[in-house]
């Protein structure tokens, strides 16, 4: 992954800029979270489950879905609408786009 996330690399479980009450992430959850942010900032939209599978070398769509659920339960992301694809709310991205970095 690129340098967009330089401030979070190696800080597994560190909360995003916009939040302070999240539960710590596992190393794998941190990789998924970092990829979500990097891809979204680079492309202007969130990756599909299949794109995440390929980039993170996870063989099953269910593996990605389980990581996204864990990120949601731990407070790192919010789902905008469970019926809509790529509908996640990621506070760190909003803060970065508003100049908080």
Protein backbone atom coordinates (compact mmCIF):
# COMPACT_ATOMS: atom_id res chain seq x y z
CA UNK A 1 0.00 0.00 0.00
CA UNK A 2 1.05 3.57 -0.62
CA UNK A 3 2.09 6.37 1.67
CA UNK A 4 -1.37 7.87 2.16
CA UNK A 5 -1.61 6.09 5.50
CA UNK A 6 1.90 6.79 6.70
CA UNK A 7 0.60 8.08 10.03
CA UNK A 8 -1.26 4.84 10.81
CA UNK A 9 1.25 2.25 9.55
CA UNK A 10 2.60 0.14 12.36
CA UNK A 11 0.05 1.47 14.83
CA UNK A 12 -2.25 -1.53 14.90
CA UNK A 13 -5.32 -0.65 16.88
CA UNK A 14 -4.69 3.10 16.99
CA UNK A 15 -7.89 5.12 16.56
CA UNK A 16 -8.45 7.25 13.48
CA UNK A 17 -7.99 10.99 13.69
CA UNK A 18 -11.72 11.67 14.08
CA UNK A 19 -12.35 9.20 16.88
CA UNK A 20 -11.05 8.22 20.26
CA UNK A 21 -13.44 5.61 21.69
CA UNK A 22 -12.95 2.68 19.31
CA UNK A 23 -11.92 -0.74 20.49
CA UNK A 24 -8.48 -1.92 19.32
CA UNK A 25 -8.22 -3.75 16.02
CA UNK A 26 -6.48 -7.01 15.27
CA UNK A 27 -3.62 -6.84 12.79
CA UNK A 28 -5.84 -8.19 9.99
CA UNK A 29 -8.67 -5.75 10.82
CA UNK A 30 -6.15 -2.90 10.74
CA UNK A 31 -5.03 -4.01 7.26
CA UNK A 32 -8.65 -4.01 6.05
CA UNK A 33 -9.27 -0.59 7.61
CA UNK A 34 -6.08 0.89 6.13
CA UNK A 35 -6.97 -0.47 2.70
CA UNK A 36 -10.48 1.01 2.93
CA UNK A 37 -9.07 4.44 3.66
CA UNK A 38 -6.27 4.29 1.11
CA UNK A 39 -8.52 3.08 -1.70
CA UNK A 40 -11.27 5.58 -0.89
CA UNK A 41 -8.92 8.55 -0.76
CA UNK A 42 -7.23 7.50 -3.99
CA UNK A 43 -10.35 6.67 -6.02
CA UNK A 44 -13.09 8.80 -4.45
CA UNK A 45 -15.28 5.78 -3.70
CA UNK A 46 -15.02 2.63 -1.61
CA UNK A 47 -13.67 -0.68 -2.88
CA UNK A 48 -15.96 -3.57 -3.67
CA UNK A 49 -15.76 -6.75 -1.64
CA UNK A 50 -14.05 -8.46 -4.60
CA UNK A 51 -11.47 -5.65 -4.90
CA UNK A 52 -10.73 -5.99 -1.20
CA UNK A 53 -10.41 -9.77 -1.52
CA UNK A 54 -7.83 -9.40 -4.29
CA UNK A 55 -5.81 -6.64 -2.63
CA UNK A 56 -5.77 -8.24 0.81
CA UNK A 57 -5.41 -11.82 -0.44
CA UNK A 58 -8.53 -13.02 1.36
CA UNK A 59 -10.12 -15.90 -0.51
CA UNK A 60 -13.75 -15.58 0.58
CA UNK A 61 -16.21 -12.69 0.34
CA UNK A 62 -17.42 -13.77 3.76
CA UNK A 63 -13.94 -13.07 5.15
CA UNK A 64 -14.20 -9.44 4.04
CA UNK A 65 -17.78 -9.13 5.29
CA UNK A 66 -16.75 -10.47 8.70
CA UNK A 67 -13.91 -7.92 8.93
CA UNK A 68 -16.29 -5.10 7.95
CA UNK A 69 -18.76 -6.25 10.63
CA UNK A 70 -15.96 -6.28 13.19
CA UNK A 71 -14.88 -2.75 12.18
CA UNK A 72 -18.50 -1.64 12.54
CA UNK A 73 -18.94 -3.31 15.95
CA UNK A 74 -15.69 -1.77 17.21
CA UNK A 75 -16.80 1.70 16.12
CA UNK A 76 -14.29 2.33 13.32
CA UNK A 77 -16.85 2.51 10.51
CA UNK A 78 -20.59 2.98 10.23
CA UNK A 79 -22.86 1.53 7.62
CA UNK A 80 -24.90 4.19 5.86
CA UNK A 81 -27.49 1.75 4.54
CA UNK A 82 -27.23 -2.03 4.86
CA UNK A 83 -29.06 -2.49 1.56
CA UNK A 84 -26.66 -0.34 -0.46
CA UNK A 85 -23.23 -1.46 -1.65
CA UNK A 86 -20.17 0.62 -0.79
CA UNK A 87 -22.22 2.58 1.74
CA UNK A 88 -19.81 2.94 4.64
CA UNK A 89 -19.22 6.04 6.73
CA UNK A 90 -15.55 6.34 7.74
CA UNK A 91 -14.95 9.30 10.11
CA UNK A 92 -11.20 9.44 9.39
CA UNK A 93 -11.79 10.10 5.69
CA UNK A 94 -14.21 12.93 6.40
CA UNK A 95 -11.72 14.56 8.77
CA UNK A 96 -8.88 14.21 6.27
CA UNK A 97 -10.96 15.75 3.50
CA UNK A 98 -11.86 18.64 5.79
CA UNK A 99 -8.18 19.30 6.41
CA UNK A 100 -7.79 17.62 9.78
CA UNK A 101 -4.56 15.81 8.90
